[in-house]
């Protein structure tokens, strides 16, 4: 059982994605099958918590990823066009869990398969009207090359190559285009799931390679992280498309995570909580926007939809709570994760000022997006329909999970600390500022 246990988290969703093809011609049954597989995957990860090798960032991502897959599937309407995205959600879930729980070489191979599958899917959905897709495919190609080099090369080159791969998953300027393209071009349930999966895999790699990174890397990462936090916030302020706004906003928050890791020399205990909370909050806002796209079409203009606070009250309440969570306000998980990172790091005043500016900018563009949808003139030409039961359940689960991440004791969500042997401390390469 101990030998088989590390392969079960990845095997359940991968096998489920293959078995779901048997009901491909029935979209309703296919969605139910995908939901059942994600539920089983969550149950397996919880039930085998004592047998699975705990990732260095803790077991929290093993529970959040199946939950995010389930919520993403639950929030999508039943339609033939969404069948591929449901199958790919299970496939990417299996690959992501394989990275987190697989042995060292197997985990890197899973990461390579994840990047390759993303590139193929982005190429399939590329259109001449969206040339930025080529930058995204190229970014994931660079990440895949880094994964290959990290396997065949020795240190310190392997550590630098792994760092590049992490920068394409946990987005860091200038390797962020793949992340932006995945959130804006992937169909159906995939964007709301990838916004958590990609950073979770990136955080796993970041924590693994930080002790082996060469000297001088931390200063470069700090500079890129500060630039990314400001760049993401400014770009988000200038966006009129909701998906791009959320993509750049989450880039700004994930850049904060990079900066805290570089400043501390090692990832803080709140790293997984912060990354998971930012991913879940952004996923919730993407699902909330998917509700609008379902009602008024894929090309719905957010400035043309208003007055939902009185016509769609359930939607208005949940969207407001998700917006508060995404802005980093208490008592939600983003705030708790940020405070854990803040208290565990020794910070330079200039860098802290940039982080606070990016945080304040998030309060502006996220609240502006929510106010535009909820308030304003009620248009008589729009047909207002409040949340369906599945949509309501998906958004409510995300709000409750974000609340749980914010109020749960820090020692409950922190990774288990193990004392390394003295020889390992003497031989490891310290990542100095």
Protein backbone atom coordinates (compact mmCIF):
# COMPACT_ATOMS: atom_id res chain seq x y z
CA UNK A 1 0.00 0.00 0.00
CA UNK A 2 2.85 2.40 0.79
CA UNK A 3 4.30 1.79 -2.67
CA UNK A 4 0.97 2.35 -4.44
CA UNK A 5 -0.22 5.32 -2.34
CA UNK A 6 1.80 8.09 -4.11
CA UNK A 7 0.26 7.13 -7.45
CA UNK A 8 -3.38 7.02 -6.37
CA UNK A 9 -4.04 10.82 -6.26
CA UNK A 10 -2.97 11.14 -9.89
CA UNK A 11 -4.37 7.81 -11.00
CA UNK A 12 -7.97 8.41 -9.90
CA UNK A 13 -8.65 11.52 -12.05
CA UNK A 14 -6.54 10.25 -14.96
CA UNK A 15 -8.46 6.98 -15.04
CA UNK A 16 -11.70 8.89 -14.54
CA UNK A 17 -10.99 11.10 -17.55
CA UNK A 18 -10.63 7.98 -19.70
CA UNK A 19 -13.74 6.27 -18.33
CA UNK A 20 -15.79 9.45 -18.81
CA UNK A 21 -15.28 9.13 -22.56
CA UNK A 22 -17.78 6.25 -22.47
CA UNK A 23 -20.62 8.78 -22.01
CA UNK A 24 -19.22 11.37 -24.43
CA UNK A 25 -22.44 11.47 -26.46
CA UNK A 26 -24.50 12.41 -23.37
CA UNK A 27 -23.35 15.81 -22.00
CA UNK A 28 -25.48 15.59 -18.86
CA UNK A 29 -24.10 12.17 -17.90
CA UNK A 30 -20.57 13.28 -18.76
CA UNK A 31 -20.80 16.23 -16.37
CA UNK A 32 -22.16 14.01 -13.59
CA UNK A 33 -19.36 11.50 -14.21
CA UNK A 34 -16.72 14.24 -14.05
CA UNK A 35 -18.21 15.56 -10.81
CA UNK A 36 -18.18 12.09 -9.28
CA UNK A 37 -14.55 11.58 -10.25
CA UNK A 38 -13.55 14.88 -8.64
CA UNK A 39 -15.47 13.95 -5.47
CA UNK A 40 -13.77 10.55 -5.36
CA UNK A 41 -10.40 12.21 -5.87
CA UNK A 42 -11.03 14.53 -2.92
CA UNK A 43 -12.15 11.59 -0.79
CA UNK A 44 -9.07 9.55 -1.69
CA UNK A 45 -6.73 12.42 -0.79
CA UNK A 46 -8.48 12.96 2.54
CA UNK A 47 -8.77 9.27 3.39
CA UNK A 48 -5.12 8.52 2.57
CA UNK A 49 -3.67 11.59 4.27
CA UNK A 50 -1.52 9.42 6.53
CA UNK A 51 -0.11 7.32 3.69
CA UNK A 52 0.58 10.02 1.11
CA UNK A 53 3.96 11.77 1.13
CA UNK A 54 3.17 15.29 2.32
CA UNK A 55 4.44 17.94 -0.11
CA UNK A 56 6.89 20.46 1.41
CA UNK A 57 4.19 23.15 1.25
CA UNK A 58 1.77 20.95 3.21
CA UNK A 59 -1.24 18.86 2.28
CA UNK A 60 -3.59 21.80 1.67
CA UNK A 61 -3.16 21.80 -2.16
CA UNK A 62 -4.07 18.09 -2.25
CA UNK A 63 -7.50 19.03 -0.92
CA UNK A 64 -8.00 22.35 -2.69
CA UNK A 65 -7.28 21.06 -6.20
CA UNK A 66 -10.05 18.39 -6.33
CA UNK A 67 -12.39 20.88 -4.65
CA UNK A 68 -11.59 23.52 -7.27
CA UNK A 69 -12.11 20.99 -10.07
CA UNK A 70 -15.48 20.02 -8.61
CA UNK A 71 -16.59 23.64 -8.23
CA UNK A 72 -15.44 24.55 -11.74
CA UNK A 73 -17.41 21.66 -13.18
CA UNK A 74 -20.45 22.41 -11.04
CA UNK A 75 -20.63 26.04 -12.17
CA UNK A 76 -20.74 25.24 -15.88
CA UNK A 77 -24.02 24.78 -17.79
CA UNK A 78 -24.67 21.46 -19.49
CA UNK A 79 -23.77 21.90 -23.15
CA UNK A 80 -22.09 19.81 -25.82
CA UNK A 81 -19.41 22.47 -26.34
CA UNK A 82 -18.18 22.04 -22.74
CA UNK A 83 -17.48 18.31 -22.96
CA UNK A 84 -13.82 18.65 -23.86
CA UNK A 85 -13.21 21.14 -21.03
CA UNK A 86 -14.75 18.70 -18.51
CA UNK A 87 -12.49 15.86 -19.67
CA UNK A 88 -9.44 18.13 -19.69
CA UNK A 89 -10.25 19.37 -16.18
CA UNK A 90 -9.92 15.79 -14.91
CA UNK A 91 -6.78 15.24 -16.97
CA UNK A 92 -5.10 18.38 -15.63
CA UNK A 93 -6.19 17.48 -12.10
CA UNK A 94 -4.44 14.14 -12.42
CA UNK A 95 -1.28 15.70 -13.83
CA UNK A 96 -1.21 18.36 -11.14
CA UNK A 97 -1.64 15.85 -8.32
CA UNK A 98 1.06 13.74 -9.94
CA UNK A 99 3.47 16.67 -9.67
CA UNK A 100 2.62 17.15 -5.99
CA UNK A 101 2.76 13.52 -4.84
CA UNK A 102 4.92 11.69 -7.37
CA UNK A 103 8.58 10.84 -6.79
CA UNK A 104 11.16 13.38 -7.90
CA UNK A 105 11.70 12.29 -11.51
CA UNK A 106 8.07 11.23 -11.95
CA UNK A 107 6.91 14.60 -10.62
CA UNK A 108 9.02 16.43 -13.21
CA UNK A 109 7.66 14.22 -15.96
CA UNK A 110 4.13 15.02 -14.81
CA UNK A 111 5.04 18.73 -14.93
CA UNK A 112 6.39 18.28 -18.46
CA UNK A 113 3.17 16.53 -19.52
CA UNK A 114 1.13 19.34 -17.94
CA UNK A 115 3.02 22.03 -19.85
CA UNK A 116 2.85 20.05 -23.10
CA UNK A 117 -0.90 19.47 -22.78
CA UNK A 118 -1.45 23.16 -22.07
CA UNK A 119 0.51 24.15 -25.16
CA UNK A 120 -1.46 21.77 -27.37
CA UNK A 121 -4.79 22.97 -25.98
CA UNK A 122 -3.84 26.63 -26.40
CA UNK A 123 -2.80 25.94 -29.98
CA UNK A 124 -6.13 24.24 -30.64
CA UNK A 125 -8.04 27.29 -29.40
CA UNK A 126 -5.78 29.87 -30.99
CA UNK A 127 -7.43 32.40 -33.32
CA UNK A 128 -5.81 35.05 -35.55
CA UNK A 129 -7.79 37.67 -33.60
CA UNK A 130 -5.83 36.85 -30.44
CA UNK A 131 -2.11 36.90 -31.36
CA UNK A 132 -1.07 36.95 -27.70
CA UNK A 133 -1.71 33.19 -27.71
CA UNK A 134 1.63 32.62 -29.42
CA UNK A 135 3.39 34.33 -26.52
CA UNK A 136 1.57 32.02 -24.11
CA UNK A 137 2.46 28.90 -26.09
CA UNK A 138 6.07 30.10 -26.28
CA UNK A 139 6.17 30.72 -22.51
CA UNK A 140 5.03 27.18 -21.79
CA UNK A 141 7.57 25.92 -24.30
CA UNK A 142 10.28 27.69 -22.29
CA UNK A 143 8.87 26.15 -19.12
CA UNK A 144 8.92 22.68 -20.67
CA UNK A 145 12.53 23.22 -21.76
CA UNK A 146 13.38 24.21 -18.20
CA UNK A 147 11.79 21.01 -16.92
CA UNK A 148 13.89 18.92 -19.32
CA UNK A 149 17.12 20.75 -18.41
CA UNK A 150 16.40 20.33 -14.69
CA UNK A 151 16.33 16.56 -15.19
CA UNK A 152 19.46 16.14 -17.30
CA UNK A 153 21.67 18.91 -15.89
CA UNK A 154 23.40 19.17 -12.53
CA UNK A 155 23.33 22.00 -9.99
CA UNK A 156 23.29 24.96 -10.09
CA UNK A 157 21.99 24.90 -13.70
CA UNK A 158 19.21 22.48 -12.78
CA UNK A 159 18.04 24.84 -10.01
CA UNK A 160 17.91 27.81 -12.40
CA UNK A 161 16.04 25.75 -15.01
CA UNK A 162 13.53 24.63 -12.39
CA UNK A 163 13.10 28.24 -11.32
CA UNK A 164 12.21 29.22 -14.90
CA UNK A 165 9.63 26.43 -15.02
CA UNK A 166 8.14 27.67 -11.75
CA UNK A 167 7.99 31.21 -13.13
CA UNK A 168 5.77 30.04 -16.00
CA UNK A 169 3.40 28.22 -13.62
CA UNK A 170 3.38 30.59 -10.65
CA UNK A 171 3.42 33.66 -12.92
CA UNK A 172 6.43 35.95 -12.71
CA UNK A 173 7.26 38.70 -15.18
CA UNK A 174 8.47 38.19 -17.95
CA UNK A 175 7.36 34.51 -18.01
CA UNK A 176 3.70 35.30 -17.27
CA UNK A 177 2.20 35.21 -20.78
CA UNK A 178 1.32 31.53 -20.56
CA UNK A 179 -0.69 32.13 -17.41
CA UNK A 180 -2.55 35.07 -18.95
CA UNK A 181 -3.32 33.09 -22.10
CA UNK A 182 -4.59 30.08 -20.13
CA UNK A 183 -7.05 32.26 -18.20
CA UNK A 184 -8.32 34.09 -21.29
CA UNK A 185 -8.30 31.49 -24.08
CA UNK A 186 -9.11 28.14 -22.51
CA UNK A 187 -12.76 27.11 -22.82
CA UNK A 188 -15.47 26.19 -20.34
CA UNK A 189 -14.47 25.19 -16.82
CA UNK A 190 -10.72 25.27 -17.44
CA UNK A 191 -9.85 28.93 -16.60
CA UNK A 192 -11.54 28.78 -13.19
CA UNK A 193 -9.58 25.60 -12.42
CA UNK A 194 -6.22 26.52 -13.95
CA UNK A 195 -6.06 29.71 -11.88
CA UNK A 196 -5.50 27.47 -8.84
CA UNK A 197 -3.75 24.48 -10.43
CA UNK A 198 -0.90 26.36 -12.09
CA UNK A 199 0.13 28.39 -8.99
CA UNK A 200 -0.18 25.30 -6.77
CA UNK A 201 2.26 23.39 -8.98
CA UNK A 202 4.52 26.44 -9.18
CA UNK A 203 4.59 26.85 -5.39
CA UNK A 204 5.51 23.18 -5.02
CA UNK A 205 8.50 23.64 -7.30
CA UNK A 206 9.47 26.95 -5.70
CA UNK A 207 9.66 25.49 -2.21
CA UNK A 208 11.64 22.53 -3.50
CA UNK A 209 14.33 24.50 -5.32
CA UNK A 210 14.78 27.55 -3.06
CA UNK A 211 17.53 25.94 -0.94
CA UNK A 212 19.50 24.99 -4.07
CA UNK A 213 19.24 28.32 -5.91
CA UNK A 214 22.61 30.02 -6.60
CA UNK A 215 23.62 33.22 -4.87
CA UNK A 216 22.45 36.38 -6.60
CA UNK A 217 19.21 34.83 -7.84
CA UNK A 218 17.20 36.29 -4.97
CA UNK A 219 17.98 39.90 -5.90
CA UNK A 220 16.89 39.27 -9.50
CA UNK A 221 13.70 37.57 -8.37
CA UNK A 222 12.96 40.42 -5.95
CA UNK A 223 13.29 42.99 -8.71
CA UNK A 224 11.10 40.98 -11.12
CA UNK A 225 8.52 40.41 -8.37
CA UNK A 226 8.27 44.12 -7.53
CA UNK A 227 7.98 44.95 -11.23
CA UNK A 228 5.34 42.25 -11.68
CA UNK A 229 3.26 43.47 -8.73
CA UNK A 230 3.13 47.01 -10.13
CA UNK A 231 2.75 45.89 -13.74
CA UNK A 232 -0.15 43.56 -12.95
CA UNK A 233 -1.95 46.20 -10.89
CA UNK A 234 -1.57 48.90 -13.56
CA UNK A 235 -2.64 46.58 -16.37
CA UNK A 236 -5.66 45.44 -14.36
CA UNK A 237 -6.73 49.06 -13.85
CA UNK A 238 -6.66 49.61 -17.61
CA UNK A 239 -8.71 46.52 -18.59
CA UNK A 240 -12.29 46.51 -19.79
CA UNK A 241 -12.47 42.70 -20.22
CA UNK A 242 -13.19 40.85 -17.02
CA UNK A 243 -10.97 37.83 -17.70
CA UNK A 244 -7.96 40.01 -18.47
CA UNK A 245 -8.66 42.14 -15.41
CA UNK A 246 -8.70 39.09 -13.16
CA UNK A 247 -5.66 37.57 -14.85
CA UNK A 248 -3.53 40.69 -14.35
CA UNK A 249 -4.88 41.19 -10.83
CA UNK A 250 -3.93 37.66 -9.76
CA UNK A 251 -0.51 38.16 -11.43
CA UNK A 252 0.00 41.13 -9.11
CA UNK A 253 -0.85 39.05 -6.03
CA UNK A 254 1.30 36.08 -7.06
CA UNK A 255 4.20 38.48 -7.65
CA UNK A 256 3.87 39.40 -3.96
CA UNK A 257 4.38 35.73 -3.13
CA UNK A 258 7.59 35.66 -5.18
CA UNK A 259 8.86 38.77 -3.42
CA UNK A 260 8.15 37.44 0.05
CA UNK A 261 9.95 34.18 -0.80
CA UNK A 262 12.99 36.05 -2.11
CA UNK A 263 13.04 38.43 0.88
CA UNK A 264 12.84 35.62 3.44
CA UNK A 265 15.29 33.31 1.67
CA UNK A 266 12.79 30.48 2.11
CA UNK A 267 9.03 30.24 1.58
CA UNK A 268 7.03 31.20 4.68
CA UNK A 269 4.49 28.81 6.30
CA UNK A 270 1.60 30.85 4.85
CA UNK A 271 2.73 30.36 1.24
CA UNK A 272 0.25 27.58 0.42
CA UNK A 273 -2.61 29.39 2.16
CA UNK A 274 -1.95 32.64 0.30
CA UNK A 275 -1.56 30.95 -3.11
CA UNK A 276 -4.62 28.78 -2.56
CA UNK A 277 -6.78 31.67 -1.35
CA UNK A 278 -5.81 33.96 -4.24
CA UNK A 279 -6.49 31.14 -6.70
CA UNK A 280 -9.87 30.30 -5.15
CA UNK A 281 -10.98 33.94 -5.00
CA UNK A 282 -10.04 34.50 -8.63
CA UNK A 283 -11.72 31.23 -9.57
CA UNK A 284 -14.91 32.41 -7.89
CA UNK A 285 -14.88 35.70 -9.77
CA UNK A 286 -14.29 33.85 -13.05
CA UNK A 287 -17.26 31.60 -12.29
CA UNK A 288 -19.36 34.65 -11.42
CA UNK A 289 -18.45 36.18 -14.78
CA UNK A 290 -19.28 32.87 -16.47
CA UNK A 291 -22.82 33.29 -15.11
CA UNK A 292 -23.06 36.60 -17.00
CA UNK A 293 -21.63 35.01 -20.16
CA UNK A 294 -24.17 32.20 -19.90
CA UNK A 295 -27.02 34.71 -19.66
CA UNK A 296 -25.91 37.28 -22.24
CA UNK A 297 -23.35 35.58 -24.49
CA UNK A 298 -19.59 35.05 -24.55
CA UNK A 299 -18.95 38.56 -25.84
CA UNK A 300 -21.02 40.30 -23.17
CA UNK A 301 -19.77 43.80 -22.41
CA UNK A 302 -19.44 44.28 -18.61
CA UNK A 303 -20.27 47.96 -19.03
CA UNK A 304 -23.58 47.04 -20.66
CA UNK A 305 -24.73 44.83 -17.75
CA UNK A 306 -25.89 46.61 -14.59
CA UNK A 307 -28.57 46.64 -11.92
CA UNK A 308 -28.05 43.05 -10.75
CA UNK A 309 -28.17 43.89 -7.03
CA UNK A 310 -31.97 44.12 -7.04
CA UNK A 311 -32.81 41.71 -9.86
CA UNK A 312 -30.37 38.89 -8.95
CA UNK A 313 -30.00 39.13 -5.14
CA UNK A 314 -28.32 35.76 -4.56
CA UNK A 315 -25.78 36.52 -7.27
CA UNK A 316 -25.18 39.98 -5.81
CA UNK A 317 -24.46 38.69 -2.30
CA UNK A 318 -22.02 35.99 -3.39
CA UNK A 319 -20.26 38.26 -5.89
CA UNK A 320 -19.80 40.90 -3.18
CA UNK A 321 -18.30 38.36 -0.78
CA UNK A 322 -15.94 37.01 -3.45
CA UNK A 323 -14.86 40.56 -4.32
CA UNK A 324 -14.09 41.28 -0.65
CA UNK A 325 -12.07 38.06 -0.44
CA UNK A 326 -10.16 38.84 -3.65
CA UNK A 327 -9.28 42.31 -2.38
CA UNK A 328 -7.52 40.74 0.61
CA UNK A 329 -9.90 41.87 3.34
CA UNK A 330 -10.53 39.89 6.57
CA UNK A 331 -11.78 37.38 7.54
CA UNK A 332 -11.01 35.58 4.27
CA UNK A 333 -8.01 33.48 3.33
CA UNK A 334 -6.15 36.02 1.19
CA UNK A 335 -5.80 38.33 4.20
CA UNK A 336 -4.74 35.50 6.51
CA UNK A 337 -2.14 34.26 4.02
CA UNK A 338 -0.78 37.76 3.42
CA UNK A 339 -0.40 38.40 7.14
CA UNK A 340 1.41 35.08 7.59
CA UNK A 341 3.86 36.04 4.87
CA UNK A 342 4.26 39.54 6.28
CA UNK A 343 5.01 38.38 9.82
CA UNK A 344 7.48 35.71 8.68
CA UNK A 345 9.64 38.00 6.52
CA UNK A 346 12.10 40.81 7.14
CA UNK A 347 11.00 43.44 4.66
CA UNK A 348 12.63 46.44 3.03
CA UNK A 349 10.50 49.61 3.27
CA UNK A 350 10.63 50.24 -0.49
CA UNK A 351 9.40 46.76 -1.35
CA UNK A 352 6.69 46.89 1.28
CA UNK A 353 5.46 50.19 -0.19
CA UNK A 354 5.12 48.55 -3.61
CA UNK A 355 3.16 45.67 -2.09
CA UNK A 356 0.76 48.07 -0.36
CA UNK A 357 0.27 50.07 -3.58
CA UNK A 358 -0.57 46.88 -5.46
CA UNK A 359 -2.98 45.88 -2.70
CA UNK A 360 -4.73 49.26 -2.80
CA UNK A 361 -4.97 49.05 -6.59
CA UNK A 362 -6.71 45.67 -6.22
CA UNK A 363 -9.30 47.31 -3.98
CA UNK A 364 -9.99 49.75 -6.79
CA UNK A 365 -10.30 47.56 -9.89
CA UNK A 366 -12.06 44.62 -8.23
CA UNK A 367 -14.59 46.83 -6.47
CA UNK A 368 -15.14 48.82 -9.66
CA UNK A 369 -15.91 45.61 -11.55
CA UNK A 370 -18.39 44.47 -8.88
CA UNK A 371 -20.09 47.86 -8.64
CA UNK A 372 -20.48 48.05 -12.41
CA UNK A 373 -22.38 44.76 -12.45
CA UNK A 374 -24.42 45.16 -9.29
CA UNK A 375 -25.46 48.78 -9.39
CA UNK A 376 -26.44 51.31 -12.02
CA UNK A 377 -29.51 51.50 -14.20
CA UNK A 378 -31.74 48.48 -14.56
CA UNK A 379 -32.04 47.88 -18.29
CA UNK A 380 -35.49 46.84 -19.55
CA UNK A 381 -33.97 45.03 -22.55
CA UNK A 382 -32.02 42.57 -20.35
CA UNK A 383 -33.59 39.39 -19.05
CA UNK A 384 -32.53 38.92 -15.44
CA UNK A 385 -32.33 35.36 -14.09
CA UNK A 386 -30.83 34.69 -10.69
CA UNK A 387 -28.41 31.86 -9.93
CA UNK A 388 -29.39 28.30 -10.72
CA UNK A 389 -28.92 25.72 -8.00
CA UNK A 390 -25.63 24.41 -9.37
CA UNK A 391 -24.24 27.93 -9.88
CA UNK A 392 -25.32 28.94 -6.38
CA UNK A 393 -23.74 25.83 -4.87
CA UNK A 394 -20.43 26.40 -6.69
CA UNK A 395 -20.08 30.03 -5.58
CA UNK A 396 -21.23 29.27 -2.03
CA UNK A 397 -18.64 26.48 -1.65
CA UNK A 398 -15.89 28.87 -2.72
CA UNK A 399 -17.02 31.58 -0.27
CA UNK A 400 -17.17 29.09 2.62
CA UNK A 401 -13.75 27.66 1.73
CA UNK A 402 -12.19 31.13 1.63
CA UNK A 403 -13.77 31.89 4.98
CA UNK A 404 -12.42 28.63 6.42
CA UNK A 405 -8.90 29.45 5.18
CA UNK A 406 -9.16 32.82 6.89
CA UNK A 407 -10.34 31.66 10.31
CA UNK A 408 -8.60 28.28 10.61
CA UNK A 409 -5.66 28.13 13.06
CA UNK A 410 -2.35 28.74 11.34
CA UNK A 411 -0.77 25.58 12.76
CA UNK A 412 -3.57 23.51 11.22
CA UNK A 413 -2.77 24.68 7.67
CA UNK A 414 1.00 24.97 8.02
CA UNK A 415 3.24 22.25 6.55
CA UNK A 416 4.78 19.72 8.87
CA UNK A 417 8.26 20.76 9.95
CA UNK A 418 10.96 18.16 9.87
CA UNK A 419 14.45 18.73 11.18
CA UNK A 420 16.98 18.03 8.41
CA UNK A 421 20.19 16.30 9.30
CA UNK A 422 23.19 18.44 10.16
CA UNK A 423 25.10 17.25 7.11
CA UNK A 424 22.34 18.48 4.85
CA UNK A 425 22.51 21.92 6.46
CA UNK A 426 26.23 22.07 5.99
CA UNK A 427 26.14 21.11 2.32
CA UNK A 428 23.09 23.04 1.12
CA UNK A 429 23.49 26.24 -0.86
CA UNK A 430 21.83 29.15 0.93
CA UNK A 431 19.70 31.54 -1.15
CA UNK A 432 21.02 34.88 0.12
CA UNK A 433 19.51 38.25 -0.59
